Amino acid sequence: MPLNWTIFHADRMVEAVASGHFGLRDIERYLDDVMVSGALPYRKLFDTAQASSALGDDDMMMLGARLGAYTELGPIGPLAIVAPSTVLRQQARLFAVLAPADRPLKIFKTVDAARKWLAAQDGAASA
């Protein structure tokens, strides 16, 4: 599977790792599971360091619309996106613009930097 994630309820944290080629359906499954599991307010690490993306502009618009709908359900926690390649950083920036939410979001080149930043966040948005 090109996208695997673990939800750590005790730590109010979600960690997702993409490997290989991932696309819209992979991210939709991830987002749906996070929502159904009650983890929208948790801190999230989304690591694309070992991946390539098959997301086009239309896919990015659909993700933005989906996340916009999720923001109506309640608070969304901080998001750290690890995107070492130029292409993935550009997509991460586009996602940040198209999926606005009232939460901290930052893009990193390394997992270590992302983890440090997430650790400094308040743990999760108020539920």
N, C-alpha and C. Protein backbone atom coordinates (compact mmCIF):
# COMPACT_ATOMS: atom_id res chain seq x y z
N MET A 1 0.85 -1.18 0.00
CA MET A 1 0.00 0.00 0.00
C MET A 1 0.89 1.24 0.00
N PRO A 2 0.62 2.19 -0.86
CA PRO A 2 1.51 3.35 -0.97
C PRO A 2 1.37 4.37 0.17
N LEU A 3 0.34 4.24 0.99
CA LEU A 3 0.17 5.16 2.11
C LEU A 3 -0.27 4.37 3.34
N ASN A 4 0.56 4.40 4.37
CA ASN A 4 0.25 3.73 5.63
C ASN A 4 0.23 4.76 6.74
N TRP A 5 -0.66 4.56 7.69
CA TRP A 5 -0.74 5.50 8.80
C TRP A 5 -1.08 4.77 10.08
N THR A 6 -0.72 5.42 11.18
CA THR A 6 -1.02 4.92 12.51
C THR A 6 -1.59 6.08 13.32
N ILE A 7 -2.66 5.80 14.02
CA ILE A 7 -3.28 6.79 14.89
C ILE A 7 -2.93 6.42 16.33
N PHE A 8 -2.27 7.34 17.02
CA PHE A 8 -1.88 7.14 18.41
C PHE A 8 -2.82 7.96 19.29
N HIS A 9 -3.90 7.32 19.72
CA HIS A 9 -4.91 8.06 20.50
C HIS A 9 -4.35 8.59 21.82
N ALA A 10 -3.52 7.81 22.50
CA ALA A 10 -2.98 8.24 23.79
C ALA A 10 -2.13 9.50 23.64
N ASP A 11 -1.42 9.62 22.53
CA ASP A 11 -0.56 10.78 22.27
C ASP A 11 -1.26 11.86 21.44
N ARG A 12 -2.48 11.58 20.99
CA ARG A 12 -3.23 12.50 20.13
C ARG A 12 -2.36 12.88 18.92
N MET A 13 -1.91 11.83 18.21
CA MET A 13 -0.98 12.00 17.10
C MET A 13 -1.32 11.01 15.98
N VAL A 14 -1.15 11.45 14.73
CA VAL A 14 -1.32 10.59 13.57
C VAL A 14 -0.03 10.68 12.76
N GLU A 15 0.50 9.53 12.37
CA GLU A 15 1.69 9.50 11.53
C GLU A 15 1.37 8.75 10.26
N ALA A 16 1.57 9.39 9.12
CA ALA A 16 1.34 8.78 7.81
C ALA A 16 2.64 8.79 7.03
N VAL A 17 2.91 7.66 6.36
CA VAL A 17 4.12 7.55 5.55
C VAL A 17 3.72 7.07 4.16
N ALA A 18 4.06 7.86 3.16
CA ALA A 18 3.82 7.48 1.77
C ALA A 18 5.10 6.87 1.22
N SER A 19 4.92 5.81 0.43
CA SER A 19 6.08 5.19 -0.23
C SER A 19 5.65 4.81 -1.64
N GLY A 20 6.55 4.96 -2.56
CA GLY A 20 6.19 4.67 -3.94
C GLY A 20 5.28 5.76 -4.49
N HIS A 21 4.38 5.35 -5.35
CA HIS A 21 3.49 6.27 -6.05
C HIS A 21 2.13 6.32 -5.35
N PHE A 22 1.74 7.46 -4.80
CA PHE A 22 0.44 7.56 -4.14
C PHE A 22 -0.44 8.56 -4.87
N GLY A 23 -1.75 8.37 -4.74
CA GLY A 23 -2.69 9.22 -5.45
C GLY A 23 -3.86 9.65 -4.60
N LEU A 24 -4.85 10.21 -5.26
CA LEU A 24 -6.02 10.79 -4.59
C LEU A 24 -6.74 9.76 -3.72
N ARG A 25 -7.01 8.57 -4.24
CA ARG A 25 -7.76 7.56 -3.48
C ARG A 25 -7.03 7.19 -2.20
N ASP A 26 -5.70 7.13 -2.25
CA ASP A 26 -4.92 6.81 -1.05
C ASP A 26 -5.12 7.87 0.03
N ILE A 27 -5.05 9.12 -0.36
CA ILE A 27 -5.21 10.22 0.60
C ILE A 27 -6.65 10.29 1.10
N GLU A 28 -7.61 10.03 0.23
CA GLU A 28 -9.01 10.03 0.67
C GLU A 28 -9.25 8.95 1.73
N ARG A 29 -8.68 7.76 1.54
CA ARG A 29 -8.83 6.69 2.56
C ARG A 29 -8.21 7.13 3.89
N TYR A 30 -7.03 7.74 3.81
CA TYR A 30 -6.37 8.25 5.01
C TYR A 30 -7.24 9.29 5.72
N LEU A 31 -7.70 10.29 4.98
CA LEU A 31 -8.52 11.34 5.59
C LEU A 31 -9.80 10.79 6.18
N ASP A 32 -10.44 9.88 5.48
CA ASP A 32 -11.68 9.29 6.00
C ASP A 32 -11.43 8.53 7.30
N ASP A 33 -10.33 7.77 7.36
CA ASP A 33 -10.03 7.03 8.58
C ASP A 33 -9.71 7.97 9.74
N VAL A 34 -8.97 9.02 9.46
CA VAL A 34 -8.65 10.01 10.51
C VAL A 34 -9.94 10.62 11.05
N MET A 35 -10.86 10.95 10.15
CA MET A 35 -12.12 11.57 10.57
C MET A 35 -12.97 10.59 11.37
N VAL A 36 -13.16 9.37 10.84
CA VAL A 36 -14.00 8.38 11.51
C VAL A 36 -13.41 7.98 12.86
N SER A 37 -12.10 8.00 12.98
CA SER A 37 -11.43 7.62 14.23
C SER A 37 -11.42 8.73 15.26
N GLY A 38 -11.97 9.88 14.91
CA GLY A 38 -12.01 11.00 15.86
C GLY A 38 -10.66 11.68 16.03
N ALA A 39 -9.79 11.55 15.02
CA ALA A 39 -8.43 12.09 15.14
C ALA A 39 -8.21 13.41 14.40
N LEU A 40 -9.25 14.04 13.92
CA LEU A 40 -9.07 15.34 13.23
C LEU A 40 -8.34 16.37 14.11
N PRO A 41 -8.62 16.43 15.42
CA PRO A 41 -7.92 17.44 16.23
C PRO A 41 -6.48 17.06 16.60
N TYR A 42 -6.04 15.86 16.27
CA TYR A 42 -4.70 15.41 16.66
C TYR A 42 -3.62 16.07 15.80
N ARG A 43 -2.39 16.07 16.33
CA ARG A 43 -1.22 16.48 15.55
C ARG A 43 -1.00 15.43 14.47
N LYS A 44 -0.55 15.88 13.29
CA LYS A 44 -0.35 14.95 12.19
C LYS A 44 1.00 15.16 11.52
N LEU A 45 1.66 14.04 11.26
CA LEU A 45 2.90 14.02 10.49
C LEU A 45 2.60 13.27 9.20
N PHE A 46 2.82 13.92 8.06
CA PHE A 46 2.58 13.30 6.75
C PHE A 46 3.91 13.30 6.02
N ASP A 47 4.53 12.12 5.92
CA ASP A 47 5.88 11.97 5.40
C ASP A 47 5.85 11.45 3.96
N THR A 48 6.33 12.25 3.02
CA THR A 48 6.39 11.86 1.61
C THR A 48 7.83 11.65 1.14
N ALA A 49 8.77 11.50 2.08
CA ALA A 49 10.19 11.42 1.73
C ALA A 49 10.52 10.25 0.81
N GLN A 50 9.77 9.16 0.89
CA GLN A 50 10.03 7.98 0.07
C GLN A 50 8.97 7.79 -1.01
N ALA A 51 8.37 8.87 -1.45
CA ALA A 51 7.22 8.75 -2.35
C ALA A 51 7.32 9.67 -3.56
N SER A 52 6.46 9.37 -4.50
CA SER A 52 6.19 10.29 -5.61
C SER A 52 4.68 10.40 -5.70
N SER A 53 4.22 11.52 -6.15
CA SER A 53 2.79 11.80 -6.14
C SER A 53 2.20 11.72 -7.54
N ALA A 54 0.97 11.20 -7.58
CA ALA A 54 0.22 11.15 -8.84
C ALA A 54 -0.93 12.14 -8.78
N LEU A 55 -0.79 13.17 -7.96
CA LEU A 55 -1.88 14.14 -7.79
C LEU A 55 -1.80 15.24 -8.84
N GLY A 56 -2.88 15.40 -9.57
CA GLY A 56 -2.99 16.50 -10.52
C GLY A 56 -3.70 17.68 -9.88
N ASP A 57 -3.85 18.74 -10.63
CA ASP A 57 -4.52 19.93 -10.10
C ASP A 57 -5.96 19.63 -9.67
N ASP A 58 -6.68 18.82 -10.47
CA ASP A 58 -8.06 18.48 -10.10
C ASP A 58 -8.10 17.69 -8.79
N ASP A 59 -7.13 16.79 -8.62
CA ASP A 59 -7.05 16.02 -7.37
C ASP A 59 -6.82 16.95 -6.18
N MET A 60 -5.95 17.90 -6.36
CA MET A 60 -5.66 18.85 -5.28
C MET A 60 -6.91 19.66 -4.92
N MET A 61 -7.68 20.05 -5.94
CA MET A 61 -8.92 20.79 -5.69
C MET A 61 -9.91 19.91 -4.90
N MET A 62 -9.99 18.64 -5.25
CA MET A 62 -10.90 17.73 -4.54
C MET A 62 -10.47 17.54 -3.10
N LEU A 63 -9.16 17.43 -2.86
CA LEU A 63 -8.68 17.30 -1.49
C LEU A 63 -8.98 18.56 -0.68
N GLY A 64 -8.79 19.70 -1.32
CA GLY A 64 -9.10 20.96 -0.65
C GLY A 64 -10.57 21.04 -0.26
N ALA A 65 -11.44 20.63 -1.16
CA ALA A 65 -12.88 20.65 -0.88
C ALA A 65 -13.24 19.68 0.24
N ARG A 66 -12.61 18.49 0.22
CA ARG A 66 -12.89 17.50 1.27
C ARG A 66 -12.46 18.03 2.63
N LEU A 67 -11.26 18.59 2.70
CA LEU A 67 -10.79 19.10 3.98
C LEU A 67 -11.63 20.29 4.42
N GLY A 68 -12.07 21.11 3.47
CA GLY A 68 -12.96 22.21 3.81
C GLY A 68 -14.23 21.71 4.48
N ALA A 69 -14.76 20.60 3.99
CA ALA A 69 -15.96 20.01 4.61
C ALA A 69 -15.64 19.49 6.01
N TYR A 70 -14.45 18.92 6.18
CA TYR A 70 -14.06 18.41 7.51
C TYR A 70 -13.94 19.53 8.52
N THR A 71 -13.53 20.71 8.09
CA THR A 71 -13.38 21.82 9.04
C THR A 71 -14.73 22.21 9.64
N GLU A 72 -15.81 21.88 8.96
CA GLU A 72 -17.14 22.17 9.49
C GLU A 72 -17.49 21.24 10.65
N LEU A 73 -16.76 20.13 10.77
CA LEU A 73 -17.06 19.14 11.80
C LEU A 73 -16.40 19.44 13.13
N GLY A 74 -15.44 20.34 13.13
CA GLY A 74 -14.75 20.67 14.37
C GLY A 74 -13.30 21.04 14.11
N PRO A 75 -12.53 21.22 15.18
CA PRO A 75 -11.14 21.66 15.02
C PRO A 75 -10.27 20.60 14.35
N ILE A 76 -9.24 21.09 13.67
CA ILE A 76 -8.27 20.23 13.00
C ILE A 76 -6.89 20.56 13.58
N GLY A 77 -6.16 19.52 13.95
CA GLY A 77 -4.87 19.70 14.61
C GLY A 77 -3.75 20.09 13.66
N PRO A 78 -2.61 20.44 14.23
CA PRO A 78 -1.43 20.86 13.46
C PRO A 78 -0.99 19.78 12.48
N LEU A 79 -0.45 20.22 11.34
CA LEU A 79 0.01 19.30 10.31
C LEU A 79 1.43 19.65 9.91
N ALA A 80 2.32 18.65 9.98
CA ALA A 80 3.68 18.78 9.49
C ALA A 80 3.81 17.87 8.27
N ILE A 81 4.14 18.45 7.13
CA ILE A 81 4.31 17.68 5.90
C ILE A 81 5.80 17.60 5.59
N VAL A 82 6.30 16.38 5.43
CA VAL A 82 7.70 16.18 5.06
C VAL A 82 7.72 15.98 3.55
N ALA A 83 8.35 16.93 2.86
CA ALA A 83 8.39 16.92 1.40
C ALA A 83 9.77 17.37 0.94
N PRO A 84 10.72 16.44 0.83
CA PRO A 84 12.08 16.84 0.47
C PRO A 84 12.26 17.24 -0.99
N SER A 85 11.42 16.73 -1.89
CA SER A 85 11.59 17.08 -3.30
C SER A 85 10.85 18.36 -3.64
N THR A 86 11.33 19.03 -4.66
CA THR A 86 10.71 20.29 -5.10
C THR A 86 9.26 20.07 -5.52
N VAL A 87 8.99 19.01 -6.26
CA VAL A 87 7.63 18.74 -6.74
C VAL A 87 6.68 18.52 -5.56
N LEU A 88 7.09 17.71 -4.60
CA LEU A 88 6.22 17.44 -3.45
C LEU A 88 6.05 18.67 -2.57
N ARG A 89 7.09 19.50 -2.45
CA ARG A 89 6.94 20.76 -1.69
C ARG A 89 5.94 21.68 -2.38
N GLN A 90 5.99 21.74 -3.70
CA GLN A 90 5.02 22.57 -4.44
C GLN A 90 3.60 22.06 -4.21
N GLN A 91 3.42 20.74 -4.24
CA GLN A 91 2.09 20.19 -3.99
C GLN A 91 1.64 20.45 -2.55
N ALA A 92 2.57 20.36 -1.62
CA ALA A 92 2.22 20.63 -0.22
C ALA A 92 1.79 22.08 -0.05
N ARG A 93 2.49 23.00 -0.70
CA ARG A 93 2.10 24.41 -0.63
C ARG A 93 0.72 24.63 -1.25
N LEU A 94 0.47 23.98 -2.38
CA LEU A 94 -0.84 24.10 -3.02
C LEU A 94 -1.92 23.54 -2.11
N PHE A 95 -1.66 22.40 -1.48
CA PHE A 95 -2.62 21.83 -0.54
C PHE A 95 -2.91 22.82 0.59
N ALA A 96 -1.87 23.46 1.11
CA ALA A 96 -2.06 24.42 2.21
C ALA A 96 -2.97 25.57 1.79
N VAL A 97 -2.85 25.99 0.55
CA VAL A 97 -3.68 27.09 0.05
C VAL A 97 -5.11 26.63 -0.23
N LEU A 98 -5.25 25.45 -0.82
CA LEU A 98 -6.57 24.96 -1.23
C LEU A 98 -7.37 24.35 -0.08
N ALA A 99 -6.70 23.96 0.98
CA ALA A 99 -7.37 23.32 2.12
C ALA A 99 -7.17 24.14 3.37
N PRO A 100 -7.62 25.39 3.34
CA PRO A 100 -7.38 26.22 4.52
C PRO A 100 -8.13 25.70 5.73
N ALA A 101 -7.44 25.68 6.82
CA ALA A 101 -8.04 25.30 8.10
C ALA A 101 -7.39 26.16 9.16
N ASP A 102 -8.11 26.39 10.22
CA ASP A 102 -7.58 27.19 11.32
C ASP A 102 -6.70 26.31 12.18
N ARG A 103 -5.48 26.04 11.66
CA ARG A 103 -4.53 25.20 12.35
C ARG A 103 -3.13 25.48 11.84
N PRO A 104 -2.12 25.22 12.65
CA PRO A 104 -0.74 25.37 12.17
C PRO A 104 -0.43 24.30 11.12
N LEU A 105 0.26 24.72 10.07
CA LEU A 105 0.72 23.80 9.02
C LEU A 105 2.09 24.26 8.59
N LYS A 106 3.03 23.32 8.53
CA LYS A 106 4.37 23.68 8.10
C LYS A 106 4.94 22.55 7.26
N ILE A 107 5.76 22.91 6.28
CA ILE A 107 6.37 21.95 5.36
C ILE A 107 7.86 21.85 5.69
N PHE A 108 8.35 20.61 5.75
CA PHE A 108 9.73 20.35 6.14
C PHE A 108 10.43 19.48 5.10
N LYS A 109 11.76 19.52 5.13
CA LYS A 109 12.56 18.65 4.28
C LYS A 109 12.94 17.35 4.98
N THR A 110 12.90 17.35 6.33
CA THR A 110 13.28 16.14 7.08
C THR A 110 12.22 15.79 8.12
N VAL A 111 12.15 14.49 8.43
CA VAL A 111 11.23 14.00 9.44
C VAL A 111 11.62 14.53 10.81
N ASP A 112 12.92 14.58 11.11
CA ASP A 112 13.38 15.06 12.41
C ASP A 112 12.90 16.48 12.69
N ALA A 113 13.06 17.36 11.70
CA ALA A 113 12.61 18.75 11.87
C ALA A 113 11.09 18.81 12.06
N ALA A 114 10.36 17.99 11.33
CA ALA A 114 8.90 17.96 11.46
C ALA A 114 8.48 17.49 12.84
N ARG A 115 9.14 16.45 13.34
CA ARG A 115 8.82 15.93 14.68
C ARG A 115 9.09 16.97 15.77
N LYS A 116 10.21 17.67 15.65
CA LYS A 116 10.54 18.71 16.64
C LYS A 116 9.48 19.79 16.65
N TRP A 117 9.06 20.22 15.48
CA TRP A 117 8.04 21.26 15.38
C TRP A 117 6.72 20.77 15.98
N LEU A 118 6.31 19.55 15.62
CA LEU A 118 5.05 19.01 16.16
C LEU A 118 5.11 18.88 17.68
N ALA A 119 6.25 18.50 18.21
CA ALA A 119 6.39 18.36 19.66
C ALA A 119 6.18 19.69 20.37
N ALA A 120 6.50 20.78 19.68
CA ALA A 120 6.34 22.11 20.26
C ALA A 120 4.91 22.63 20.16
N GLN A 121 4.08 21.95 19.38
CA GLN A 121 2.68 22.36 19.26
C GLN A 121 1.93 21.94 20.52
N ASP A 122 0.75 22.42 20.68
CA ASP A 122 0.01 22.17 21.92
C ASP A 122 -0.49 20.74 22.07
N GLY A 123 -0.12 19.84 21.18
CA GLY A 123 -0.54 18.45 21.28
C GLY A 123 -1.72 18.13 20.39
N ALA A 124 -2.67 19.01 20.33
CA ALA A 124 -3.82 18.85 19.46
C ALA A 124 -4.76 20.02 19.69
N ALA A 125 -5.60 20.24 18.74
CA ALA A 125 -6.59 21.30 18.89
C ALA A 125 -7.59 20.91 19.96
N SER A 126 -8.20 21.87 20.54
CA SER A 126 -9.23 21.57 21.55
C SER A 126 -10.36 20.81 20.91
N ALA A 127 -10.82 19.80 21.57
CA ALA A 127 -11.92 19.00 21.02
C ALA A 127 -13.26 19.52 21.49
